[in-house]
Amino acid sequence: MKTYYVYMMANRKQGVIYIGVTSNIIKRTYQHKEKLIEGFTKKYNLDKLVYFEATSSVEEAIKREKQLKNWKRGWKTNLIEKTNPKWQDLYNNLLR
Protein backbone atom coordinates (compact mmCIF):
# COMPACT_ATOMS: atom_id res chain seq x y z
CA MET A 1 0.00 0.00 0.00
CA LYS A 2 1.32 3.41 -0.98
CA THR A 3 1.63 6.22 1.56
CA TYR A 4 1.03 9.89 0.80
CA TYR A 5 2.17 12.79 2.92
CA VAL A 6 0.99 16.32 3.55
CA TYR A 7 3.98 18.26 4.81
CA MET A 8 5.11 21.71 5.90
CA MET A 9 8.49 23.25 5.23
CA ALA A 10 9.81 26.38 6.98
CA ASN A 11 12.96 28.48 6.99
CA ARG A 12 12.99 29.07 10.77
CA LYS A 13 10.74 29.05 13.83
CA GLN A 14 7.68 31.21 13.15
CA GLY A 15 9.03 31.78 9.63
CA VAL A 16 7.58 31.31 6.17
CA ILE A 17 5.56 28.09 5.74
CA TYR A 18 5.06 25.98 2.62
CA ILE A 19 2.51 23.16 2.44
CA GLY A 20 2.80 20.33 -0.08
CA VAL A 21 1.86 16.72 -0.89
CA THR A 22 4.18 13.88 -1.87
CA SER A 23 4.37 10.11 -2.04
CA ASN A 24 8.08 10.14 -1.12
CA ILE A 25 8.69 12.42 1.85
CA ILE A 26 12.42 11.71 2.09
CA LYS A 27 13.11 12.43 -1.58
CA ARG A 28 10.87 15.50 -1.67
CA THR A 29 12.38 16.99 1.49
CA TYR A 30 15.87 16.39 0.10
CA GLN A 31 14.87 18.25 -3.08
CA HIS A 32 13.71 21.22 -1.01
CA LYS A 33 16.84 21.17 1.18
CA GLU A 34 19.19 21.07 -1.80
CA LYS A 35 17.21 23.72 -3.76
CA LEU A 36 16.79 21.31 -6.68
CA ILE A 37 13.38 22.64 -7.70
CA GLU A 38 12.67 26.22 -8.73
CA GLY A 39 9.86 27.98 -6.95
CA PHE A 40 8.57 29.19 -3.62
CA THR A 41 10.65 26.95 -1.35
CA LYS A 42 13.88 27.80 -3.13
CA LYS A 43 13.10 31.53 -3.21
CA TYR A 44 12.37 31.68 0.53
CA ASN A 45 15.00 29.11 1.61
CA LEU A 46 12.44 26.71 3.09
CA ASP A 47 14.73 23.85 4.04
CA LYS A 48 13.29 22.50 7.33
CA LEU A 49 10.63 19.82 7.44
CA VAL A 50 8.61 20.96 10.46
CA TYR A 51 5.40 18.92 10.11
CA PHE A 52 3.91 16.02 8.19
CA GLU A 53 0.90 13.71 8.17
CA ALA A 54 0.59 10.36 6.40
CA THR A 55 -2.41 8.76 4.67
CA SER A 56 -2.99 5.87 2.27
CA SER A 57 -5.25 7.95 0.02
CA VAL A 58 -3.91 10.48 -2.47
CA GLU A 59 -7.35 12.09 -2.55
CA GLU A 60 -7.32 12.54 1.23
CA ALA A 61 -3.80 13.98 1.11
CA ILE A 62 -4.78 16.54 -1.53
CA LYS A 63 -7.98 17.38 0.36
CA ARG A 64 -5.98 17.93 3.56
CA GLU A 65 -3.37 20.04 1.74
CA LYS A 66 -6.10 22.33 0.40
CA GLN A 67 -7.69 22.53 3.85
CA LEU A 68 -4.40 23.51 5.51
CA LYS A 69 -3.59 26.07 2.83
CA ASN A 70 -6.90 27.79 3.61
CA TRP A 71 -6.20 27.93 7.34
CA LYS A 72 -5.16 31.12 9.10
CA ARG A 73 -1.47 31.35 9.88
CA GLY A 74 -2.05 30.99 13.62
CA TRP A 75 -3.87 27.69 13.10
CA LYS A 76 -0.95 26.34 11.04
CA THR A 77 1.52 27.49 13.68
CA ASN A 78 -0.50 25.81 16.43
CA LEU A 79 -0.65 22.57 14.44
CA ILE A 80 3.14 22.55 14.00
CA GLU A 81 3.78 23.41 17.64
CA LYS A 82 1.54 20.62 18.97
CA THR A 83 4.03 18.02 17.73
CA ASN A 84 7.15 20.11 17.10
CA PRO A 85 7.22 23.07 19.54
CA LYS A 86 10.81 24.02 18.70
CA TRP A 87 10.23 23.80 14.94
CA GLN A 88 13.08 21.30 14.64
CA ASP A 89 13.92 19.83 11.26
CA LEU A 90 12.28 16.38 11.19
CA TYR A 91 14.18 15.19 8.10
CA ASN A 92 16.96 13.39 9.99
CA ASN A 93 14.37 11.48 12.03
CA LEU A 94 12.99 10.05 8.78
CA LEU A 95 16.40 8.69 7.84
CA ARG A 96 16.72 6.59 11.01
PDB file of N, CA and C in Angstrom:
ATOM      1  N   MET A   1       0.848  -1.180   0.000  1.00  0.00           N
ATOM      2  CA  MET A   1       0.000   0.000   0.000  1.00  0.00           C
ATOM      3  C   MET A   1       0.894   1.244   0.000  1.00  0.00           C
ATOM      4  N   LYS A   2       0.566   2.174  -0.851  1.00  0.00           N
ATOM      5  CA  LYS A   2       1.325   3.411  -0.982  1.00  0.00           C
ATOM      6  C   LYS A   2       0.917   4.401   0.107  1.00  0.00           C
ATOM      7  N   THR A   3       1.886   5.195   0.553  1.00  0.00           N
ATOM      8  CA  THR A   3       1.627   6.221   1.560  1.00  0.00           C
ATOM      9  C   THR A   3       1.837   7.592   0.936  1.00  0.00           C
ATOM     10  N   TYR A   4       0.954   8.509   1.272  1.00  0.00           N
ATOM     11  CA  TYR A   4       1.029   9.887   0.800  1.00  0.00           C
ATOM     12  C   TYR A   4       1.167  10.803   2.008  1.00  0.00           C
ATOM     13  N   TYR A   5       1.873  11.883   1.812  1.00  0.00           N
ATOM     14  CA  TYR A   5       2.172  12.788   2.915  1.00  0.00           C
ATOM     15  C   TYR A   5       1.748  14.215   2.585  1.00  0.00           C
ATOM     16  N   VAL A   6       1.184  14.871   3.580  1.00  0.00           N
ATOM     17  CA  VAL A   6       0.993  16.316   3.551  1.00  0.00           C
ATOM     18  C   VAL A   6       2.085  16.832   4.479  1.00  0.00           C
ATOM     19  N   TYR A   7       2.838  17.820   4.020  1.00  0.00           N
ATOM     20  CA  TYR A   7       3.984  18.261   4.813  1.00  0.00           C
ATOM     21  C   TYR A   7       4.105  19.775   4.807  1.00  0.00           C
ATOM     22  N   MET A   8       4.835  20.275   5.807  1.00  0.00           N
ATOM     23  CA  MET A   8       5.110  21.705   5.897  1.00  0.00           C
ATOM     24  C   MET A   8       6.609  21.915   6.013  1.00  0.00           C
ATOM     25  N   MET A   9       7.095  22.836   5.197  1.00  0.00           N
ATOM     26  CA  MET A   9       8.494  23.254   5.229  1.00  0.00           C
ATOM     27  C   MET A   9       8.540  24.683   5.764  1.00  0.00           C
ATOM     28  N   ALA A  10       9.618  25.021   6.471  1.00  0.00           N
ATOM     29  CA  ALA A  10       9.806  26.379   6.979  1.00  0.00           C
ATOM     30  C   ALA A  10      11.277  26.748   6.884  1.00  0.00           C
ATOM     31  N   ASN A  11      11.565  28.039   7.008  1.00  0.00           N
ATOM     32  CA  ASN A  11      12.963  28.481   6.988  1.00  0.00           C
ATOM     33  C   ASN A  11      13.505  28.706   8.393  1.00  0.00           C
ATOM     34  N   ARG A  12      12.597  28.882   9.369  1.00  0.00           N
ATOM     35  CA  ARG A  12      12.991  29.073  10.770  1.00  0.00           C
ATOM     36  C   ARG A  12      11.727  29.025  11.616  1.00  0.00           C
ATOM     37  N   LYS A  13      11.891  29.033  12.930  1.00  0.00           N
ATOM     38  CA  LYS A  13      10.736  29.047  13.828  1.00  0.00           C
ATOM     39  C   LYS A  13       9.924  30.307  13.568  1.00  0.00           C
ATOM     40  N   GLN A  14       8.611  30.116  13.429  1.00  0.00           N
ATOM     41  CA  GLN A  14       7.681  31.211  13.148  1.00  0.00           C
ATOM     42  C   GLN A  14       7.951  31.884  11.800  1.00  0.00           C
ATOM     43  N   GLY A  15       8.683  31.212  10.925  1.00  0.00           N
ATOM     44  CA  GLY A  15       9.028  31.784   9.626  1.00  0.00           C
ATOM     45  C   GLY A  15       7.990  31.486   8.556  1.00  0.00           C
ATOM     46  N   VAL A  16       8.427  31.594   7.328  1.00  0.00           N
ATOM     47  CA  VAL A  16       7.578  31.313   6.169  1.00  0.00           C
ATOM     48  C   VAL A  16       7.258  29.825   6.146  1.00  0.00           C
ATOM     49  N   ILE A  17       6.017  29.480   5.777  1.00  0.00           N
ATOM     50  CA  ILE A  17       5.563  28.089   5.739  1.00  0.00           C
ATOM     51  C   ILE A  17       5.115  27.731   4.324  1.00  0.00           C
ATOM     52  N   TYR A  18       5.522  26.544   3.885  1.00  0.00           N
ATOM     53  CA  TYR A  18       5.065  25.984   2.616  1.00  0.00           C
ATOM     54  C   TYR A  18       4.369  24.664   2.922  1.00  0.00           C
ATOM     55  N   ILE A  19       3.256  24.402   2.259  1.00  0.00           N
ATOM     56  CA  ILE A  19       2.511  23.155   2.437  1.00  0.00           C
ATOM     57  C   ILE A  19       2.478  22.416   1.103  1.00  0.00           C
ATOM     58  N   GLY A  20       2.802  21.126   1.138  1.00  0.00           N
ATOM     59  CA  GLY A  20       2.803  20.330  -0.080  1.00  0.00           C
ATOM     60  C   GLY A  20       2.338  18.907   0.160  1.00  0.00           C
ATOM     61  N   VAL A  21       2.253  18.132  -0.925  1.00  0.00           N
ATOM     62  CA  VAL A  21       1.862  16.721  -0.895  1.00  0.00           C
ATOM     63  C   VAL A  21       2.913  15.928  -1.666  1.00  0.00           C
ATOM     64  N   THR A  22       3.229  14.744  -1.180  1.00  0.00           N
ATOM     65  CA  THR A  22       4.177  13.882  -1.868  1.00  0.00           C
ATOM     66  C   THR A  22       3.924  12.423  -1.521  1.00  0.00           C
ATOM     67  N   SER A  23       4.419  11.540  -2.350  1.00  0.00           N
ATOM     68  CA  SER A  23       4.371  10.110  -2.038  1.00  0.00           C
ATOM     69  C   SER A  23       5.737   9.614  -1.562  1.00  0.00           C
ATOM     70  N   ASN A  24       6.738  10.497  -1.592  1.00  0.00           N
ATOM     71  CA  ASN A  24       8.082  10.135  -1.124  1.00  0.00           C
ATOM     72  C   ASN A  24       8.629  11.296  -0.298  1.00  0.00           C
ATOM     73  N   ILE A  25       8.350  11.287   0.981  1.00  0.00           N
ATOM     74  CA  ILE A  25       8.687  12.417   1.847  1.00  0.00           C
ATOM     75  C   ILE A  25      10.195  12.630   1.968  1.00  0.00           C
ATOM     76  N   ILE A  26      10.972  11.559   1.972  1.00  0.00           N
ATOM     77  CA  ILE A  26      12.424  11.705   2.087  1.00  0.00           C
ATOM     78  C   ILE A  26      12.989  12.369   0.839  1.00  0.00           C
ATOM     79  N   LYS A  27      12.621  11.865  -0.330  1.00  0.00           N
ATOM     80  CA  LYS A  27      13.112  12.429  -1.580  1.00  0.00           C
ATOM     81  C   LYS A  27      12.668  13.882  -1.751  1.00  0.00           C
ATOM     82  N   ARG A  28      11.401  14.141  -1.474  1.00  0.00           N
ATOM     83  CA  ARG A  28      10.871  15.497  -1.672  1.00  0.00           C
ATOM     84  C   ARG A  28      11.522  16.486  -0.716  1.00  0.00           C
ATOM     85  N   THR A  29      11.719  16.112   0.543  1.00  0.00           N
ATOM     86  CA  THR A  29      12.380  16.994   1.494  1.00  0.00           C
ATOM     87  C   THR A  29      13.814  17.258   1.065  1.00  0.00           C
ATOM     88  N   TYR A  30      14.506  16.229   0.597  1.00  0.00           N
ATOM     89  CA  TYR A  30      15.869  16.392   0.097  1.00  0.00           C
ATOM     90  C   TYR A  30      15.902  17.401  -1.052  1.00  0.00           C
ATOM     91  N   GLN A  31      14.938  17.305  -1.960  1.00  0.00           N
ATOM     92  CA  GLN A  31      14.875  18.247  -3.083  1.00  0.00           C
ATOM     93  C   GLN A  31      14.714  19.685  -2.583  1.00  0.00           C
ATOM     94  N   HIS A  32      13.877  19.887  -1.579  1.00  0.00           N
ATOM     95  CA  HIS A  32      13.714  21.222  -1.006  1.00  0.00           C
ATOM     96  C   HIS A  32      15.016  21.682  -0.337  1.00  0.00           C
ATOM     97  N   LYS A  33      15.628  20.807   0.448  1.00  0.00           N
ATOM     98  CA  LYS A  33      16.837  21.167   1.184  1.00  0.00           C
ATOM     99  C   LYS A  33      17.982  21.558   0.247  1.00  0.00           C
ATOM    100  N   GLU A  34      18.093  20.847  -0.849  1.00  0.00           N
ATOM    101  CA  GLU A  34      19.189  21.070  -1.800  1.00  0.00           C
ATOM    102  C   GLU A  34      18.846  22.087  -2.889  1.00  0.00           C
ATOM    103  N   LYS A  35      17.656  22.688  -2.810  1.00  0.00           N
ATOM    104  CA  LYS A  35      17.210  23.719  -3.765  1.00  0.00           C
ATOM    105  C   LYS A  35      17.221  23.191  -5.204  1.00  0.00           C
ATOM    106  N   LEU A  36      16.771  21.955  -5.371  1.00  0.00           N
ATOM    107  CA  LEU A  36      16.794  21.310  -6.681  1.00  0.00           C
ATOM    108  C   LEU A  36      15.602  21.685  -7.556  1.00  0.00           C
ATOM    109  N   ILE A  37      14.587  22.292  -6.954  1.00  0.00           N
ATOM    110  CA  ILE A  37      13.381  22.645  -7.699  1.00  0.00           C
ATOM    111  C   ILE A  37      13.141  24.141  -7.579  1.00  0.00           C
ATOM    112  N   GLU A  38      12.955  24.786  -8.720  1.00  0.00           N
ATOM    113  CA  GLU A  38      12.673  26.220  -8.729  1.00  0.00           C
ATOM    114  C   GLU A  38      11.310  26.478  -8.101  1.00  0.00           C
ATOM    115  N   GLY A  39      11.167  27.614  -7.477  1.00  0.00           N
ATOM    116  CA  GLY A  39       9.861  27.975  -6.955  1.00  0.00           C
ATOM    117  C   GLY A  39       9.919  28.584  -5.572  1.00  0.00           C
ATOM    118  N   PHE A  40       8.783  28.535  -4.909  1.00  0.00           N
ATOM    119  CA  PHE A  40       8.567  29.193  -3.624  1.00  0.00           C
ATOM    120  C   PHE A  40       9.567  28.749  -2.558  1.00  0.00           C
ATOM    121  N   THR A  41       9.766  27.431  -2.415  1.00  0.00           N
ATOM    122  CA  THR A  41      10.649  26.948  -1.349  1.00  0.00           C
ATOM    123  C   THR A  41      12.097  27.344  -1.585  1.00  0.00           C
ATOM    124  N   LYS A  42      12.517  27.372  -2.828  1.00  0.00           N
ATOM    125  CA  LYS A  42      13.883  27.803  -3.130  1.00  0.00           C
ATOM    126  C   LYS A  42      14.033  29.306  -2.891  1.00  0.00           C
ATOM    127  N   LYS A  43      13.060  30.070  -3.345  1.00  0.00           N
ATOM    128  CA  LYS A  43      13.101  31.525  -3.209  1.00  0.00           C
ATOM    129  C   LYS A  43      13.183  31.963  -1.750  1.00  0.00           C
ATOM    130  N   TYR A  44      12.427  31.283  -0.877  1.00  0.00           N
ATOM    131  CA  TYR A  44      12.369  31.679   0.529  1.00  0.00           C
ATOM    132  C   TYR A  44      13.213  30.789   1.446  1.00  0.00           C
ATOM    133  N   ASN A  45      14.072  29.954   0.854  1.00  0.00           N
ATOM    134  CA  ASN A  45      15.000  29.106   1.614  1.00  0.00           C
ATOM    135  C   ASN A  45      14.280  28.219   2.635  1.00  0.00           C
ATOM    136  N   LEU A  46      13.220  27.585   2.208  1.00  0.00           N
ATOM    137  CA  LEU A  46      12.441  26.714   3.088  1.00  0.00           C
ATOM    138  C   LEU A  46      13.077  25.323   3.072  1.00  0.00           C
ATOM    139  N   ASP A  47      13.933  25.072   4.046  1.00  0.00           N
ATOM    140  CA  ASP A  47      14.725  23.847   4.038  1.00  0.00           C
ATOM    141  C   ASP A  47      14.546  22.988   5.290  1.00  0.00           C
ATOM    142  N   LYS A  48      13.539  23.284   6.119  1.00  0.00           N
ATOM    143  CA  LYS A  48      13.286  22.503   7.326  1.00  0.00           C
ATOM    144  C   LYS A  48      11.901  21.856   7.260  1.00  0.00           C
ATOM    145  N   LEU A  49      11.896  20.552   7.365  1.00  0.00           N
ATOM    146  CA  LEU A  49      10.631  19.820   7.438  1.00  0.00           C
ATOM    147  C   LEU A  49      10.142  19.938   8.878  1.00  0.00           C
ATOM    148  N   VAL A  50       9.068  20.696   9.089  1.00  0.00           N
ATOM    149  CA  VAL A  50       8.608  20.956  10.456  1.00  0.00           C
ATOM    150  C   VAL A  50       7.327  20.213  10.822  1.00  0.00           C
ATOM    151  N   TYR A  51       6.651  19.627   9.838  1.00  0.00           N
ATOM    152  CA  TYR A  51       5.403  18.922  10.115  1.00  0.00           C
ATOM    153  C   TYR A  51       5.060  18.014   8.946  1.00  0.00           C
ATOM    154  N   PHE A  52       4.475  16.847   9.245  1.00  0.00           N
ATOM    155  CA  PHE A  52       3.905  16.016   8.185  1.00  0.00           C
ATOM    156  C   PHE A  52       2.856  15.081   8.755  1.00  0.00           C
ATOM    157  N   GLU A  53       1.941  14.685   7.879  1.00  0.00           N
ATOM    158  CA  GLU A  53       0.900  13.706   8.172  1.00  0.00           C
ATOM    159  C   GLU A  53       0.937  12.663   7.057  1.00  0.00           C
ATOM    160  N   ALA A  54       0.607  11.435   7.390  1.00  0.00           N
ATOM    161  CA  ALA A  54       0.590  10.355   6.404  1.00  0.00           C
ATOM    162  C   ALA A  54      -0.826   9.811   6.226  1.00  0.00           C
ATOM    163  N   THR A  55      -1.125   9.389   4.995  1.00  0.00           N
ATOM    164  CA  THR A  55      -2.405   8.758   4.674  1.00  0.00           C
ATOM    165  C   THR A  55      -2.187   7.778   3.525  1.00  0.00           C
ATOM    166  N   SER A  56      -3.091   6.838   3.371  1.00  0.00           N
ATOM    167  CA  SER A  56      -2.985   5.867   2.272  1.00  0.00           C
ATOM    168  C   SER A  56      -3.767   6.311   1.038  1.00  0.00           C
ATOM    169  N   SER A  57      -4.409   7.471   1.116  1.00  0.00           N
ATOM    170  CA  SER A  57      -5.249   7.950   0.018  1.00  0.00           C
ATOM    171  C   SER A  57      -4.701   9.256  -0.552  1.00  0.00           C
ATOM    172  N   VAL A  58      -4.389   9.259  -1.836  1.00  0.00           N
ATOM    173  CA  VAL A  58      -3.913  10.483  -2.466  1.00  0.00           C
ATOM    174  C   VAL A  58      -5.000  11.554  -2.447  1.00  0.00           C
ATOM    175  N   GLU A  59      -6.246  11.129  -2.599  1.00  0.00           N
ATOM    176  CA  GLU A  59      -7.351  12.089  -2.553  1.00  0.00           C
ATOM    177  C   GLU A  59      -7.438  12.771  -1.181  1.00  0.00           C
ATOM    178  N   GLU A  60      -7.281  11.983  -0.132  1.00  0.00           N
ATOM    179  CA  GLU A  60      -7.320  12.541   1.226  1.00  0.00           C
ATOM    180  C   GLU A  60      -6.140  13.479   1.461  1.00  0.00           C
ATOM    181  N   ALA A  61      -4.977  13.129   0.949  1.00  0.00           N
ATOM    182  CA  ALA A  61      -3.800  13.979   1.106  1.00  0.00           C
ATOM    183  C   ALA A  61      -4.013  15.328   0.420  1.00  0.00           C
ATOM    184  N   ILE A  62      -4.533  15.298  -0.781  1.00  0.00           N
ATOM    185  CA  ILE A  62      -4.785  16.539  -1.530  1.00  0.00           C
ATOM    186  C   ILE A  62      -5.870  17.367  -0.844  1.00  0.00           C
ATOM    187  N   LYS A  63      -6.903  16.694  -0.361  1.00  0.00           N
ATOM    188  CA  LYS A  63      -7.978  17.377   0.361  1.00  0.00           C
ATOM    189  C   LYS A  63      -7.420  18.070   1.613  1.00  0.00           C
ATOM    190  N   ARG A  64      -6.569  17.370   2.353  1.00  0.00           N
ATOM    191  CA  ARG A  64      -5.984  17.932   3.563  1.00  0.00           C
ATOM    192  C   ARG A  64      -5.044  19.089   3.229  1.00  0.00           C
ATOM    193  N   GLU A  65      -4.260  18.954   2.161  1.00  0.00           N
ATOM    194  CA  GLU A  65      -3.374  20.040   1.736  1.00  0.00           C
ATOM    195  C   GLU A  65      -4.182  21.310   1.461  1.00  0.00           C
ATOM    196  N   LYS A  66      -5.257  21.173   0.716  1.00  0.00           N
ATOM    197  CA  LYS A  66      -6.102  22.328   0.401  1.00  0.00           C
ATOM    198  C   LYS A  66      -6.706  22.923   1.665  1.00  0.00           C
ATOM    199  N   GLN A  67      -7.130  22.057   2.580  1.00  0.00           N
ATOM    200  CA  GLN A  67      -7.694  22.531   3.845  1.00  0.00           C
ATOM    201  C   GLN A  67      -6.660  23.350   4.619  1.00  0.00           C
ATOM    202  N   LEU A  68      -5.448  22.808   4.758  1.00  0.00           N
ATOM    203  CA  LEU A  68      -4.398  23.505   5.506  1.00  0.00           C
ATOM    204  C   LEU A  68      -3.993  24.823   4.842  1.00  0.00           C
ATOM    205  N   LYS A  69      -3.960  24.841   3.534  1.00  0.00           N
ATOM    206  CA  LYS A  69      -3.594  26.073   2.828  1.00  0.00           C
ATOM    207  C   LYS A  69      -4.623  27.177   3.056  1.00  0.00           C
ATOM    208  N   ASN A  70      -5.852  26.804   3.346  1.00  0.00           N
ATOM    209  CA  ASN A  70      -6.899  27.792   3.610  1.00  0.00           C
ATOM    210  C   ASN A  70      -6.966  28.226   5.071  1.00  0.00           C
ATOM    211  N   TRP A  71      -6.210  27.569   5.926  1.00  0.00           N
ATOM    212  CA  TRP A  71      -6.196  27.930   7.341  1.00  0.00           C
ATOM    213  C   TRP A  71      -5.508  29.261   7.566  1.00  0.00           C
ATOM    214  N   LYS A  72      -5.876  29.922   8.652  1.00  0.00           N
ATOM    215  CA  LYS A  72      -5.162  31.119   9.096  1.00  0.00           C
ATOM    216  C   LYS A  72      -3.774  30.712   9.573  1.00  0.00           C
ATOM    217  N   ARG A  73      -2.845  31.644   9.491  1.00  0.00           N
ATOM    218  CA  ARG A  73      -1.467  31.349   9.877  1.00  0.00           C
ATOM    219  C   ARG A  73      -1.370  30.827  11.318  1.00  0.00           C
ATOM    220  N   GLY A  74      -2.094  31.423  12.227  1.00  0.00           N
ATOM    221  CA  GLY A  74      -2.055  30.994  13.623  1.00  0.00           C
ATOM    222  C   GLY A  74      -2.463  29.546  13.810  1.00  0.00           C
ATOM    223  N   TRP A  75      -3.428  29.088  13.025  1.00  0.00           N
ATOM    224  CA  TRP A  75      -3.870  27.694  13.102  1.00  0.00           C
ATOM    225  C   TRP A  75      -2.754  26.761  12.639  1.00  0.00           C
ATOM    226  N   LYS A  76      -2.075  27.151  11.552  1.00  0.00           N
ATOM    227  CA  LYS A  76      -0.950  26.345  11.044  1.00  0.00           C
ATOM    228  C   LYS A  76       0.162  26.278  12.079  1.00  0.00           C
ATOM    229  N   THR A  77       0.482  27.427  12.660  1.00  0.00           N
ATOM    230  CA  THR A  77       1.523  27.493  13.680  1.00  0.00           C
ATOM    231  C   THR A  77       1.171  26.598  14.867  1.00  0.00           C
ATOM    232  N   ASN A  78      -0.060  26.660  15.313  1.00  0.00           N
ATOM    233  CA  ASN A  78      -0.497  25.808  16.431  1.00  0.00           C
ATOM    234  C   ASN A  78      -0.387  24.327  16.092  1.00  0.00           C
ATOM    235  N   LEU A  79      -0.742  23.959  14.865  1.00  0.00           N
ATOM    236  CA  LEU A  79      -0.646  22.569  14.441  1.00  0.00           C
ATOM    237  C   LEU A  79       0.804  22.100  14.486  1.00  0.00           C
ATOM    238  N   ILE A  80       1.712  22.898  13.969  1.00  0.00           N
ATOM    239  CA  ILE A  80       3.140  22.552  14.003  1.00  0.00           C
ATOM    240  C   ILE A  80       3.603  22.403  15.449  1.00  0.00           C
ATOM    241  N   GLU A  81       3.253  23.370  16.279  1.00  0.00           N
ATOM    242  CA  GLU A  81       3.784  23.408  17.644  1.00  0.00           C
ATOM    243  C   GLU A  81       3.199  22.335  18.556  1.00  0.00           C
ATOM    244  N   LYS A  82       2.079  21.725  18.176  1.00  0.00           N
ATOM    245  CA  LYS A  82       1.541  20.615  18.967  1.00  0.00           C
ATOM    246  C   LYS A  82       2.496  19.423  18.967  1.00  0.00           C
ATOM    247  N   THR A  83       3.132  19.177  17.837  1.00  0.00           N
ATOM    248  CA  THR A  83       4.026  18.018  17.731  1.00  0.00           C
ATOM    249  C   THR A  83       5.498  18.408  17.623  1.00  0.00           C
ATOM    250  N   ASN A  84       5.770  19.668  17.322  1.00  0.00           N
ATOM    251  CA  ASN A  84       7.146  20.110  17.101  1.00  0.00           C
ATOM    252  C   ASN A  84       7.312  21.542  17.637  1.00  0.00           C
ATOM    253  N   PRO A  85       7.238  21.718  18.961  1.00  0.00           N
ATOM    254  CA  PRO A  85       7.220  23.065  19.544  1.00  0.00           C
ATOM    255  C   PRO A  85       8.457  23.910  19.244  1.00  0.00           C
ATOM    256  N   LYS A  86       9.581  23.263  18.989  1.00  0.00           N
ATOM    257  CA  LYS A  86      10.813  24.017  18.703  1.00  0.00           C
ATOM    258  C   LYS A  86      11.043  24.199  17.205  1.00  0.00           C
ATOM    259  N   TRP A  87      10.118  23.729  16.400  1.00  0.00           N
ATOM    260  CA  TRP A  87      10.230  23.802  14.938  1.00  0.00           C
ATOM    261  C   TRP A  87      11.532  23.146  14.468  1.00  0.00           C
ATOM    262  N   GLN A  88      11.871  22.011  15.041  1.00  0.00           N
ATOM    263  CA  GLN A  88      13.078  21.297  14.640  1.00  0.00           C
ATOM    264  C   GLN A  88      12.873  20.655  13.277  1.00  0.00           C
ATOM    265  N   ASP A  89      13.965  20.495  12.552  1.00  0.00           N
ATOM    266  CA  ASP A  89      13.922  19.831  11.256  1.00  0.00           C
ATOM    267  C   ASP A  89      13.720  18.332  11.486  1.00  0.00           C
ATOM    268  N   LEU A  90      12.632  17.789  10.982  1.00  0.00           N
ATOM    269  CA  LEU A  90      12.279  16.385  11.186  1.00  0.00           C
ATOM    270  C   LEU A  90      12.920  15.448  10.162  1.00  0.00           C
ATOM    271  N   TYR A  91      13.613  15.994   9.201  1.00  0.00           N
ATOM    272  CA  TYR A  91      14.182  15.195   8.100  1.00  0.00           C
ATOM    273  C   TYR A  91      15.093  14.078   8.607  1.00  0.00           C
ATOM    274  N   ASN A  92      16.027  14.411   9.512  1.00  0.00           N
ATOM    275  CA  ASN A  92      16.959  13.386   9.991  1.00  0.00           C
ATOM    276  C   ASN A  92      16.257  12.247  10.719  1.00  0.00           C
ATOM    277  N   ASN A  93      15.139  12.535  11.371  1.00  0.00           N
ATOM    278  CA  ASN A  93      14.366  11.480  12.030  1.00  0.00           C
ATOM    279  C   ASN A  93      13.807  10.490  11.021  1.00  0.00           C
ATOM    280  N   LEU A  94      13.506  10.945   9.814  1.00  0.00           N
ATOM    281  CA  LEU A  94      12.987  10.054   8.780  1.00  0.00           C
ATOM    282  C   LEU A  94      14.049   9.090   8.281  1.00  0.00           C
ATOM    283  N   LEU A  95      15.301   9.497   8.370  1.00  0.00           N
ATOM    284  CA  LEU A  95      16.399   8.689   7.842  1.00  0.00           C
ATOM    285  C   LEU A  95      16.819   7.577   8.786  1.00  0.00           C
ATOM    286  N   ARG A  96      16.344   7.604  10.012  1.00  0.00           N
ATOM    287  CA  ARG A  96      16.721   6.591  11.010  1.00  0.00           C
ATOM    288  C   ARG A  96      15.953   5.328  10.838  1.00  0.00           C
TER     289      ARG A  96
END
